[in-house]
Amino acid sequence: MLITNIEVIPGRKIVKHLGLVQGSTVRAKHVGKDILAGLKNIVGGELKSYTELLNESREQAVERMVKQAEAIGANAILNVRFSTSSITQGAAELFAYGTAVVLE
C-alpha cells in the first residue's frame, strides 16, 4: 500500500477513485507518566513518554486506515492528513484520513 500526503504520484495514473478512508484511536495518558511529564515540564525538555504515545497512536490510526483501504480494493492512499481532538481530560483522539485510489 502506497501512502502519501501528496495528491498525485508523479509517473502514476489514478485509474479508480474509491473515496475517503479513515482510521482513528483514542488514547488516555498514564497517571504515572503524567506525573513524570509534569516534573519534566518544570525543567524543560522533551516529554518522551508523550512522544511514544503519539507515535503509537499514529501507527495504529494509519494501520486502521490501510485496512479500510485494502477492504475496498485500493492500492494507494493519497493526500493523507492527521488530526487530533480532545475527548475528555487526559484522553485524545488521533485521526488519520486520506483518499483511497487504485493506481496503474
PDB file of N, CA and C in Angstrom:
ATOM      1  N   MET A   1       0.855  -1.178   0.000  1.00  0.00           N
ATOM      2  CA  MET A   1       0.000   0.000   0.000  1.00  0.00           C
ATOM      3  C   MET A   1       0.894   1.232   0.000  1.00  0.00           C
ATOM      4  N   LEU A   2       0.709   2.069  -0.991  1.00  0.00           N
ATOM      5  CA  LEU A   2       1.430   3.339  -1.065  1.00  0.00           C
ATOM      6  C   LEU A   2       0.629   4.382  -0.278  1.00  0.00           C
ATOM      7  N   ILE A   3       1.295   5.047   0.650  1.00  0.00           N
ATOM      8  CA  ILE A   3       0.651   6.067   1.480  1.00  0.00           C
ATOM      9  C   ILE A   3       1.464   7.344   1.333  1.00  0.00           C
ATOM     10  N   THR A   4       0.779   8.440   0.961  1.00  0.00           N
ATOM     11  CA  THR A   4       1.494   9.696   0.759  1.00  0.00           C
ATOM     12  C   THR A   4       0.608  10.880   1.115  1.00  0.00           C
ATOM     13  N   ASN A   5       1.247  12.005   1.390  1.00  0.00           N
ATOM     14  CA  ASN A   5       0.485  13.214   1.699  1.00  0.00           C
ATOM     15  C   ASN A   5       0.330  14.124   0.484  1.00  0.00           C
ATOM     16  N   ILE A   6       0.767  13.666  -0.696  1.00  0.00           N
ATOM     17  CA  ILE A   6       0.579  14.460  -1.909  1.00  0.00           C
ATOM     18  C   ILE A   6      -0.651  13.958  -2.662  1.00  0.00           C
ATOM     19  N   GLU A   7      -1.154  14.784  -3.581  1.00  0.00           N
ATOM     20  CA  GLU A   7      -2.416  14.477  -4.255  1.00  0.00           C
ATOM     21  C   GLU A   7      -2.273  13.564  -5.464  1.00  0.00           C
ATOM     22  N   VAL A   8      -1.110  13.560  -6.077  1.00  0.00           N
ATOM     23  CA  VAL A   8      -0.852  12.693  -7.233  1.00  0.00           C
ATOM     24  C   VAL A   8       0.551  12.113  -7.096  1.00  0.00           C
ATOM     25  N   ILE A   9       0.768  10.976  -7.737  1.00  0.00           N
ATOM     26  CA  ILE A   9       2.081  10.345  -7.737  1.00  0.00           C
ATOM     27  C   ILE A   9       2.688  10.571  -9.117  1.00  0.00           C
ATOM     28  N   PRO A  10       3.805  11.278  -9.191  1.00  0.00           N
ATOM     29  CA  PRO A  10       4.433  11.516 -10.499  1.00  0.00           C
ATOM     30  C   PRO A  10       4.715  10.195 -11.227  1.00  0.00           C
ATOM     31  N   GLY A  11       4.290  10.139 -12.468  1.00  0.00           N
ATOM     32  CA  GLY A  11       4.511   8.952 -13.281  1.00  0.00           C
ATOM     33  C   GLY A  11       3.489   7.849 -13.093  1.00  0.00           C
ATOM     34  N   ARG A  12       2.531   8.053 -12.212  1.00  0.00           N
ATOM     35  CA  ARG A  12       1.481   7.036 -11.974  1.00  0.00           C
ATOM     36  C   ARG A  12       0.123   7.658 -12.278  1.00  0.00           C
ATOM     37  N   LYS A  13      -0.749   6.864 -12.821  1.00  0.00           N
ATOM     38  CA  LYS A  13      -2.091   7.331 -13.186  1.00  0.00           C
ATOM     39  C   LYS A  13      -3.122   6.729 -12.231  1.00  0.00           C
ATOM     40  N   ILE A  14      -4.027   7.577 -11.777  1.00  0.00           N
ATOM     41  CA  ILE A  14      -5.139   7.094 -10.951  1.00  0.00           C
ATOM     42  C   ILE A  14      -6.175   6.509 -11.896  1.00  0.00           C
ATOM     43  N   VAL A  15      -6.461   5.219 -11.727  1.00  0.00           N
ATOM     44  CA  VAL A  15      -7.443   4.579 -12.606  1.00  0.00           C
ATOM     45  C   VAL A  15      -8.813   4.442 -11.947  1.00  0.00           C
ATOM     46  N   LYS A  16      -8.838   4.559 -10.620  1.00  0.00           N
ATOM     47  CA  LYS A  16     -10.127   4.474  -9.924  1.00  0.00           C
ATOM     48  C   LYS A  16     -10.033   5.227  -8.602  1.00  0.00           C
ATOM     49  N   HIS A  17     -11.017   6.075  -8.373  1.00  0.00           N
ATOM     50  CA  HIS A  17     -11.125   6.842  -7.139  1.00  0.00           C
ATOM     51  C   HIS A  17     -12.129   6.121  -6.247  1.00  0.00           C
ATOM     52  N   LEU A  18     -11.706   5.692  -5.046  1.00  0.00           N
ATOM     53  CA  LEU A  18     -12.574   4.897  -4.180  1.00  0.00           C
ATOM     54  C   LEU A  18     -13.158   5.679  -3.010  1.00  0.00           C
ATOM     55  N   GLY A  19     -12.659   6.880  -2.788  1.00  0.00           N
ATOM     56  CA  GLY A  19     -13.233   7.733  -1.746  1.00  0.00           C
ATOM     57  C   GLY A  19     -12.416   7.805  -0.474  1.00  0.00           C
ATOM     58  N   LEU A  20     -12.999   8.422   0.512  1.00  0.00           N
ATOM     59  CA  LEU A  20     -12.357   8.681   1.797  1.00  0.00           C
ATOM     60  C   LEU A  20     -12.184   7.397   2.597  1.00  0.00           C
ATOM     61  N   VAL A  21     -10.996   7.234   3.169  1.00  0.00           N
ATOM     62  CA  VAL A  21     -10.751   6.176   4.146  1.00  0.00           C
ATOM     63  C   VAL A  21     -10.201   6.834   5.395  1.00  0.00           C
ATOM     64  N   GLN A  22     -10.404   6.169   6.525  1.00  0.00           N
ATOM     65  CA  GLN A  22     -10.025   6.789   7.785  1.00  0.00           C
ATOM     66  C   GLN A  22      -9.676   5.737   8.824  1.00  0.00           C
ATOM     67  N   GLY A  23      -8.953   6.164   9.804  1.00  0.00           N
ATOM     68  CA  GLY A  23      -8.630   5.326  10.948  1.00  0.00           C
ATOM     69  C   GLY A  23      -8.419   6.229  12.140  1.00  0.00           C
ATOM     70  N   SER A  24      -8.809   5.749  13.302  1.00  0.00           N
ATOM     71  CA  SER A  24      -8.626   6.582  14.488  1.00  0.00           C
ATOM     72  C   SER A  24      -8.353   5.716  15.707  1.00  0.00           C
ATOM     73  N   THR A  25      -7.850   6.360  16.733  1.00  0.00           N
ATOM     74  CA  THR A  25      -7.657   5.720  18.029  1.00  0.00           C
ATOM     75  C   THR A  25      -7.824   6.790  19.096  1.00  0.00           C
ATOM     76  N   VAL A  26      -8.334   6.393  20.229  1.00  0.00           N
ATOM     77  CA  VAL A  26      -8.470   7.299  21.366  1.00  0.00           C
ATOM     78  C   VAL A  26      -7.562   6.761  22.461  1.00  0.00           C
ATOM     79  N   ARG A  27      -6.692   7.605  22.935  1.00  0.00           N
ATOM     80  CA  ARG A  27      -5.722   7.193  23.948  1.00  0.00           C
ATOM     81  C   ARG A  27      -5.817   8.090  25.171  1.00  0.00           C
ATOM     82  N   ALA A  28      -5.546   7.487  26.327  1.00  0.00           N
ATOM     83  CA  ALA A  28      -5.509   8.230  27.586  1.00  0.00           C
ATOM     84  C   ALA A  28      -4.089   8.219  28.122  1.00  0.00           C
ATOM     85  N   LYS A  29      -3.746   9.263  28.834  1.00  0.00           N
ATOM     86  CA  LYS A  29      -2.427   9.349  29.456  1.00  0.00           C
ATOM     87  C   LYS A  29      -2.371   8.414  30.662  1.00  0.00           C
ATOM     88  N   HIS A  30      -1.206   7.877  30.910  1.00  0.00           N
ATOM     89  CA  HIS A  30      -0.939   7.047  32.086  1.00  0.00           C
ATOM     90  C   HIS A  30      -0.624   7.973  33.255  1.00  0.00           C
ATOM     91  N   VAL A  31      -1.259   7.769  34.399  1.00  0.00           N
ATOM     92  CA  VAL A  31      -1.103   8.669  35.542  1.00  0.00           C
ATOM     93  C   VAL A  31       0.364   8.805  35.949  1.00  0.00           C
ATOM     94  N   GLY A  32       1.088   7.697  36.004  1.00  0.00           N
ATOM     95  CA  GLY A  32       2.499   7.746  36.384  1.00  0.00           C
ATOM     96  C   GLY A  32       3.314   8.571  35.403  1.00  0.00           C
ATOM     97  N   LYS A  33       3.064   8.364  34.117  1.00  0.00           N
ATOM     98  CA  LYS A  33       3.783   9.123  33.094  1.00  0.00           C
ATOM     99  C   LYS A  33       3.387  10.595  33.144  1.00  0.00           C
ATOM    100  N   ASP A  34       2.125  10.852  33.507  1.00  0.00           N
ATOM    101  CA  ASP A  34       1.650  12.226  33.587  1.00  0.00           C
ATOM    102  C   ASP A  34       2.377  12.979  34.716  1.00  0.00           C
ATOM    103  N   ILE A  35       2.618  12.301  35.813  1.00  0.00           N
ATOM    104  CA  ILE A  35       3.340  12.926  36.935  1.00  0.00           C
ATOM    105  C   ILE A  35       4.775  13.230  36.520  1.00  0.00           C
ATOM    106  N   LEU A  36       5.427  12.253  35.861  1.00  0.00           N
ATOM    107  CA  LEU A  36       6.802  12.466  35.397  1.00  0.00           C
ATOM    108  C   LEU A  36       6.864  13.589  34.362  1.00  0.00           C
ATOM    109  N   ALA A  37       5.853  13.653  33.493  1.00  0.00           N
ATOM    110  CA  ALA A  37       5.813  14.725  32.489  1.00  0.00           C
ATOM    111  C   ALA A  37       5.652  16.078  33.166  1.00  0.00           C
ATOM    112  N   GLY A  38       4.870  16.134  34.235  1.00  0.00           N
ATOM    113  CA  GLY A  38       4.706  17.375  34.983  1.00  0.00           C
ATOM    114  C   GLY A  38       6.017  17.848  35.581  1.00  0.00           C
ATOM    115  N   LEU A  39       6.801  16.900  36.094  1.00  0.00           N
ATOM    116  CA  LEU A  39       8.118  17.253  36.639  1.00  0.00           C
ATOM    117  C   LEU A  39       9.056  17.721  35.528  1.00  0.00           C
ATOM    118  N   LYS A  40       9.008  17.042  34.382  1.00  0.00           N
ATOM    119  CA  LYS A  40       9.851  17.408  33.245  1.00  0.00           C
ATOM    120  C   LYS A  40       9.465  18.795  32.742  1.00  0.00           C
ATOM    121  N   ASN A  41       8.196  19.134  32.863  1.00  0.00           N
ATOM    122  CA  ASN A  41       7.698  20.434  32.426  1.00  0.00           C
ATOM    123  C   ASN A  41       8.365  21.567  33.206  1.00  0.00           C
ATOM    124  N   ILE A  42       8.741  21.300  34.432  1.00  0.00           N
ATOM    125  CA  ILE A  42       9.388  22.314  35.272  1.00  0.00           C
ATOM    126  C   ILE A  42      10.796  22.621  34.762  1.00  0.00           C
ATOM    127  N   VAL A  43      11.542  21.563  34.411  1.00  0.00           N
ATOM    128  CA  VAL A  43      12.937  21.756  33.994  1.00  0.00           C
ATOM    129  C   VAL A  43      13.099  21.887  32.487  1.00  0.00           C
ATOM    130  N   GLY A  44      12.075  21.529  31.737  1.00  0.00           N
ATOM    131  CA  GLY A  44      12.125  21.630  30.282  1.00  0.00           C
ATOM    132  C   GLY A  44      12.648  20.364  29.631  1.00  0.00           C
ATOM    133  N   GLY A  45      12.472  20.268  28.337  1.00  0.00           N
ATOM    134  CA  GLY A  45      12.945  19.115  27.578  1.00  0.00           C
ATOM    135  C   GLY A  45      11.794  18.338  26.962  1.00  0.00           C
ATOM    136  N   GLU A  46      12.171  17.331  26.206  1.00  0.00           N
ATOM    137  CA  GLU A  46      11.170  16.511  25.512  1.00  0.00           C
ATOM    138  C   GLU A  46      10.433  15.614  26.496  1.00  0.00           C
ATOM    139  N   LEU A  47       9.136  15.509  26.304  1.00  0.00           N
ATOM    140  CA  LEU A  47       8.303  14.607  27.099  1.00  0.00           C
ATOM    141  C   LEU A  47       8.235  13.278  26.349  1.00  0.00           C
ATOM    142  N   LYS A  48       9.253  12.443  26.549  1.00  0.00           N
ATOM    143  CA  LYS A  48       9.423  11.224  25.747  1.00  0.00           C
ATOM    144  C   LYS A  48       8.244  10.264  25.869  1.00  0.00           C
ATOM    145  N   SER A  49       7.635  10.177  27.029  1.00  0.00           N
ATOM    146  CA  SER A  49       6.503   9.264  27.180  1.00  0.00           C
ATOM    147  C   SER A  49       5.329   9.707  26.307  1.00  0.00           C
ATOM    148  N   TYR A  50       5.139  11.024  26.169  1.00  0.00           N
ATOM    149  CA  TYR A  50       4.072  11.521  25.300  1.00  0.00           C
ATOM    150  C   TYR A  50       4.429  11.343  23.828  1.00  0.00           C
ATOM    151  N   THR A  51       5.704  11.525  23.509  1.00  0.00           N
ATOM    152  CA  THR A  51       6.154  11.307  22.134  1.00  0.00           C
ATOM    153  C   THR A  51       5.883   9.863  21.724  1.00  0.00           C
ATOM    154  N   GLU A  52       6.211   8.914  22.599  1.00  0.00           N
ATOM    155  CA  GLU A  52       5.966   7.494  22.326  1.00  0.00           C
ATOM    156  C   GLU A  52       4.470   7.226  22.173  1.00  0.00           C
ATOM    157  N   LEU A  53       3.667   7.816  23.047  1.00  0.00           N
ATOM    158  CA  LEU A  53       2.215   7.632  22.991  1.00  0.00           C
ATOM    159  C   LEU A  53       1.653   8.135  21.662  1.00  0.00           C
ATOM    160  N   LEU A  54       2.114   9.299  21.207  1.00  0.00           N
ATOM    161  CA  LEU A  54       1.629   9.841  19.938  1.00  0.00           C
ATOM    162  C   LEU A  54       2.104   9.010  18.747  1.00  0.00           C
ATOM    163  N   ASN A  55       3.344   8.529  18.795  1.00  0.00           N
ATOM    164  CA  ASN A  55       3.847   7.673  17.714  1.00  0.00           C
ATOM    165  C   ASN A  55       3.032   6.393  17.608  1.00  0.00           C
ATOM    166  N   GLU A  56       2.763   5.753  18.750  1.00  0.00           N
ATOM    167  CA  GLU A  56       1.940   4.540  18.758  1.00  0.00           C
ATOM    168  C   GLU A  56       0.536   4.831  18.229  1.00  0.00           C
ATOM    169  N   SER A  57      -0.017   5.963  18.623  1.00  0.00           N
ATOM    170  CA  SER A  57      -1.365   6.343  18.184  1.00  0.00           C
ATOM    171  C   SER A  57      -1.403   6.563  16.676  1.00  0.00           C
ATOM    172  N   ARG A  58      -0.397   7.264  16.136  1.00  0.00           N
ATOM    173  CA  ARG A  58      -0.334   7.491  14.689  1.00  0.00           C
ATOM    174  C   ARG A  58      -0.241   6.170  13.942  1.00  0.00           C
ATOM    175  N   GLU A  59       0.622   5.285  14.415  1.00  0.00           N
ATOM    176  CA  GLU A  59       0.785   3.978  13.760  1.00  0.00           C
ATOM    177  C   GLU A  59      -0.519   3.198  13.751  1.00  0.00           C
ATOM    178  N   GLN A  60      -1.227   3.190  14.868  1.00  0.00           N
ATOM    179  CA  GLN A  60      -2.482   2.455  14.944  1.00  0.00           C
ATOM    180  C   GLN A  60      -3.552   3.078  14.043  1.00  0.00           C
ATOM    181  N   ALA A  61      -3.643   4.399  14.024  1.00  0.00           N
ATOM    182  CA  ALA A  61      -4.627   5.068  13.167  1.00  0.00           C
ATOM    183  C   ALA A  61      -4.334   4.791  11.695  1.00  0.00           C
ATOM    184  N   VAL A  62      -3.063   4.843  11.302  1.00  0.00           N
ATOM    185  CA  VAL A  62      -2.693   4.559   9.907  1.00  0.00           C
ATOM    186  C   VAL A  62      -2.990   3.105   9.566  1.00  0.00           C
ATOM    187  N   GLU A  63      -2.672   2.194  10.472  1.00  0.00           N
ATOM    188  CA  GLU A  63      -2.955   0.768  10.246  1.00  0.00           C
ATOM    189  C   GLU A  63      -4.443   0.544   9.994  1.00  0.00           C
ATOM    190  N   ARG A  64      -5.283   1.181  10.768  1.00  0.00           N
ATOM    191  CA  ARG A  64      -6.735   1.037  10.595  1.00  0.00           C
ATOM    192  C   ARG A  64      -7.202   1.658   9.288  1.00  0.00           C
ATOM    193  N   MET A  65      -6.607   2.783   8.906  1.00  0.00           N
ATOM    194  CA  MET A  65      -6.937   3.417   7.631  1.00  0.00           C
ATOM    195  C   MET A  65      -6.545   2.505   6.470  1.00  0.00           C
ATOM    196  N   VAL A  66      -5.369   1.900   6.538  1.00  0.00           N
ATOM    197  CA  VAL A  66      -4.897   0.993   5.484  1.00  0.00           C
ATOM    198  C   VAL A  66      -5.818  -0.214   5.367  1.00  0.00           C
ATOM    199  N   LYS A  67      -6.230  -0.782   6.485  1.00  0.00           N
ATOM    200  CA  LYS A  67      -7.142  -1.930   6.443  1.00  0.00           C
ATOM    201  C   LYS A  67      -8.448  -1.571   5.742  1.00  0.00           C
ATOM    202  N   GLN A  68      -8.957  -0.376   6.009  1.00  0.00           N
ATOM    203  CA  GLN A  68     -10.187   0.062   5.356  1.00  0.00           C
ATOM    204  C   GLN A  68      -9.959   0.216   3.851  1.00  0.00           C
ATOM    205  N   ALA A  69      -8.813   0.773   3.469  1.00  0.00           N
ATOM    206  CA  ALA A  69      -8.499   0.949   2.046  1.00  0.00           C
ATOM    207  C   ALA A  69      -8.336  -0.395   1.342  1.00  0.00           C
ATOM    208  N   GLU A  70      -7.663  -1.333   1.980  1.00  0.00           N
ATOM    209  CA  GLU A  70      -7.490  -2.672   1.391  1.00  0.00           C
ATOM    210  C   GLU A  70      -8.833  -3.366   1.198  1.00  0.00           C
ATOM    211  N   ALA A  71      -9.735  -3.171   2.153  1.00  0.00           N
ATOM    212  CA  ALA A  71     -11.058  -3.811   2.082  1.00  0.00           C
ATOM    213  C   ALA A  71     -11.873  -3.347   0.881  1.00  0.00           C
ATOM    214  N   ILE A  72     -11.594  -2.143   0.372  1.00  0.00           N
ATOM    215  CA  ILE A  72     -12.345  -1.661  -0.791  1.00  0.00           C
ATOM    216  C   ILE A  72     -11.533  -1.746  -2.082  1.00  0.00           C
ATOM    217  N   GLY A  73     -10.359  -2.393  -2.005  1.00  0.00           N
ATOM    218  CA  GLY A  73      -9.585  -2.652  -3.215  1.00  0.00           C
ATOM    219  C   GLY A  73      -8.564  -1.609  -3.614  1.00  0.00           C
ATOM    220  N   ALA A  74      -8.213  -0.719  -2.725  1.00  0.00           N
ATOM    221  CA  ALA A  74      -7.230   0.326  -3.046  1.00  0.00           C
ATOM    222  C   ALA A  74      -5.807  -0.230  -2.993  1.00  0.00           C
ATOM    223  N   ASN A  75      -4.924   0.380  -3.776  1.00  0.00           N
ATOM    224  CA  ASN A  75      -3.505   0.060  -3.657  1.00  0.00           C
ATOM    225  C   ASN A  75      -2.691   1.295  -3.262  1.00  0.00           C
ATOM    226  N   ALA A  76      -3.393   2.410  -2.997  1.00  0.00           N
ATOM    227  CA  ALA A  76      -2.718   3.629  -2.556  1.00  0.00           C
ATOM    228  C   ALA A  76      -3.708   4.513  -1.793  1.00  0.00           C
ATOM    229  N   ILE A  77      -3.144   5.309  -0.887  1.00  0.00           N
ATOM    230  CA  ILE A  77      -3.930   6.328  -0.179  1.00  0.00           C
ATOM    231  C   ILE A  77      -3.199   7.642  -0.368  1.00  0.00           C
ATOM    232  N   LEU A  78      -3.882   8.583  -0.986  1.00  0.00           N
ATOM    233  CA  LEU A  78      -3.283   9.874  -1.301  1.00  0.00           C
ATOM    234  C   LEU A  78      -3.809  10.956  -0.365  1.00  0.00           C
ATOM    235  N   ASN A  79      -3.067  12.063  -0.318  1.00  0.00           N
ATOM    236  CA  ASN A  79      -3.469  13.245   0.432  1.00  0.00           C
ATOM    237  C   ASN A  79      -3.776  12.927   1.903  1.00  0.00           C
ATOM    238  N   VAL A  80      -2.927  12.109   2.520  1.00  0.00           N
ATOM    239  CA  VAL A  80      -3.131  11.683   3.908  1.00  0.00           C
ATOM    240  C   VAL A  80      -2.910  12.857   4.857  1.00  0.00           C
ATOM    241  N   ARG A  81      -3.794  12.958   5.817  1.00  0.00           N
ATOM    242  CA  ARG A  81      -3.731  14.007   6.832  1.00  0.00           C
ATOM    243  C   ARG A  81      -3.975  13.399   8.207  1.00  0.00           C
ATOM    244  N   PHE A  82      -3.514  14.107   9.231  1.00  0.00           N
ATOM    245  CA  PHE A  82      -3.731  13.704  10.615  1.00  0.00           C
ATOM    246  C   PHE A  82      -4.443  14.827  11.349  1.00  0.00           C
ATOM    247  N   SER A  83      -5.257  14.439  12.307  1.00  0.00           N
ATOM    248  CA  SER A  83      -5.962  15.410  13.125  1.00  0.00           C
ATOM    249  C   SER A  83      -6.035  14.864  14.551  1.00  0.00           C
ATOM    250  N   THR A  84      -6.050  15.760  15.512  1.00  0.00           N
ATOM    251  CA  THR A  84      -6.237  15.348  16.898  1.00  0.00           C
ATOM    252  C   THR A  84      -7.365  16.158  17.516  1.00  0.00           C
ATOM    253  N   SER A  85      -7.998  15.561  18.492  1.00  0.00           N
ATOM    254  CA  SER A  85      -9.024  16.281  19.232  1.00  0.00           C
ATOM    255  C   SER A  85      -9.085  15.740  20.646  1.00  0.00           C
ATOM    256  N   SER A  86      -9.416  16.611  21.561  1.00  0.00           N
ATOM    257  CA  SER A  86      -9.548  16.221  22.956  1.00  0.00           C
ATOM    258  C   SER A  86     -10.923  15.591  23.157  1.00  0.00           C
ATOM    259  N   ILE A  87     -10.941  14.424  23.746  1.00  0.00           N
ATOM    260  CA  ILE A  87     -12.205  13.724  24.005  1.00  0.00           C
ATOM    261  C   ILE A  87     -12.696  14.059  25.412  1.00  0.00           C
ATOM    262  N   THR A  88     -11.787  13.974  26.353  1.00  0.00           N
ATOM    263  CA  THR A  88     -12.055  14.296  27.747  1.00  0.00           C
ATOM    264  C   THR A  88     -10.719  14.644  28.395  1.00  0.00           C
ATOM    265  N   GLN A  89     -10.744  15.128  29.600  1.00  0.00           N
ATOM    266  CA  GLN A  89      -9.479  15.463  30.273  1.00  0.00           C
ATOM    267  C   GLN A  89      -8.595  14.220  30.316  1.00  0.00           C
ATOM    268  N   GLY A  90      -7.422  14.323  29.733  1.00  0.00           N
ATOM    269  CA  GLY A  90      -6.470  13.223  29.767  1.00  0.00           C
ATOM    270  C   GLY A  90      -6.601  12.222  28.636  1.00  0.00           C
ATOM    271  N   ALA A  91      -7.562  12.405  27.726  1.00  0.00           N
ATOM    272  CA  ALA A  91      -7.725  11.479  26.604  1.00  0.00           C
ATOM    273  C   ALA A  91      -7.929  12.264  25.310  1.00  0.00           C
ATOM    274  N   ALA A  92      -7.331  11.751  24.244  1.00  0.00           N
ATOM    275  CA  ALA A  92      -7.425  12.436  22.955  1.00  0.00           C
ATOM    276  C   ALA A  92      -7.565  11.415  21.835  1.00  0.00           C
ATOM    277  N   GLU A  93      -8.179  11.865  20.755  1.00  0.00           N
ATOM    278  CA  GLU A  93      -8.314  11.046  19.553  1.00  0.00           C
ATOM    279  C   GLU A  93      -7.261  11.484  18.543  1.00  0.00           C
ATOM    280  N   LEU A  94      -6.647  10.510  17.900  1.00  0.00           N
ATOM    281  CA  LEU A  94      -5.780  10.787  16.770  1.00  0.00           C
ATOM    282  C   LEU A  94      -6.472  10.169  15.559  1.00  0.00           C
ATOM    283  N   PHE A  95      -6.668  10.970  14.526  1.00  0.00           N
ATOM    284  CA  PHE A  95      -7.476  10.598  13.372  1.00  0.00           C
ATOM    285  C   PHE A  95      -6.601  10.727  12.118  1.00  0.00           C
ATOM    286  N   ALA A  96      -6.544   9.675  11.320  1.00  0.00           N
ATOM    287  CA  ALA A  96      -5.821   9.699  10.046  1.00  0.00           C
ATOM    288  C   ALA A  96      -6.836   9.491   8.924  1.00  0.00           C
ATOM    289  N   TYR A  97      -6.706  10.270   7.846  1.00  0.00           N
ATOM    290  CA  TYR A  97      -7.641  10.117   6.740  1.00  0.00           C
ATOM    291  C   TYR A  97      -6.958  10.465   5.425  1.00  0.00           C
ATOM    292  N   GLY A  98      -7.498   9.912   4.357  1.00  0.00           N
ATOM    293  CA  GLY A  98      -6.953  10.166   3.039  1.00  0.00           C
ATOM    294  C   GLY A  98      -7.901   9.655   1.970  1.00  0.00           C
ATOM    295  N   THR A  99      -7.454   9.733   0.721  1.00  0.00           N
ATOM    296  CA  THR A  99      -8.260   9.312  -0.420  1.00  0.00           C
ATOM    297  C   THR A  99      -7.735   7.993  -0.950  1.00  0.00           C
ATOM    298  N   ALA A 100      -8.577   6.982  -0.926  1.00  0.00           N
ATOM    299  CA  ALA A 100      -8.217   5.660  -1.432  1.00  0.00           C
ATOM    300  C   ALA A 100      -8.367   5.649  -2.949  1.00  0.00           C
ATOM    301  N   VAL A 101      -7.352   5.142  -3.615  1.00  0.00           N
ATOM    302  CA  VAL A 101      -7.362   5.074  -5.076  1.00  0.00           C
ATOM    303  C   VAL A 101      -6.726   3.765  -5.543  1.00  0.00           C
ATOM    304  N   VAL A 102      -6.937   3.487  -6.816  1.00  0.00           N
ATOM    305  CA  VAL A 102      -6.218   2.413  -7.489  1.00  0.00           C
ATOM    306  C   VAL A 102      -5.318   3.071  -8.499  1.00  0.00           C
ATOM    307  N   LEU A 103      -4.029   2.805  -8.387  1.00  0.00           N
ATOM    308  CA  LEU A 103      -3.041   3.326  -9.325  1.00  0.00           C
ATOM    309  C   LEU A 103      -2.693   2.241 -10.340  1.00  0.00           C
ATOM    310  N   GLU A 104      -2.385   2.677 -11.562  1.00  0.00           N
ATOM    311  CA  GLU A 104      -1.963   1.669 -12.563  1.00  0.00           C
ATOM    312  C   GLU A 104      -0.537   1.232 -12.302  1.00  0.00           C
TER     313      GLU A 104
END
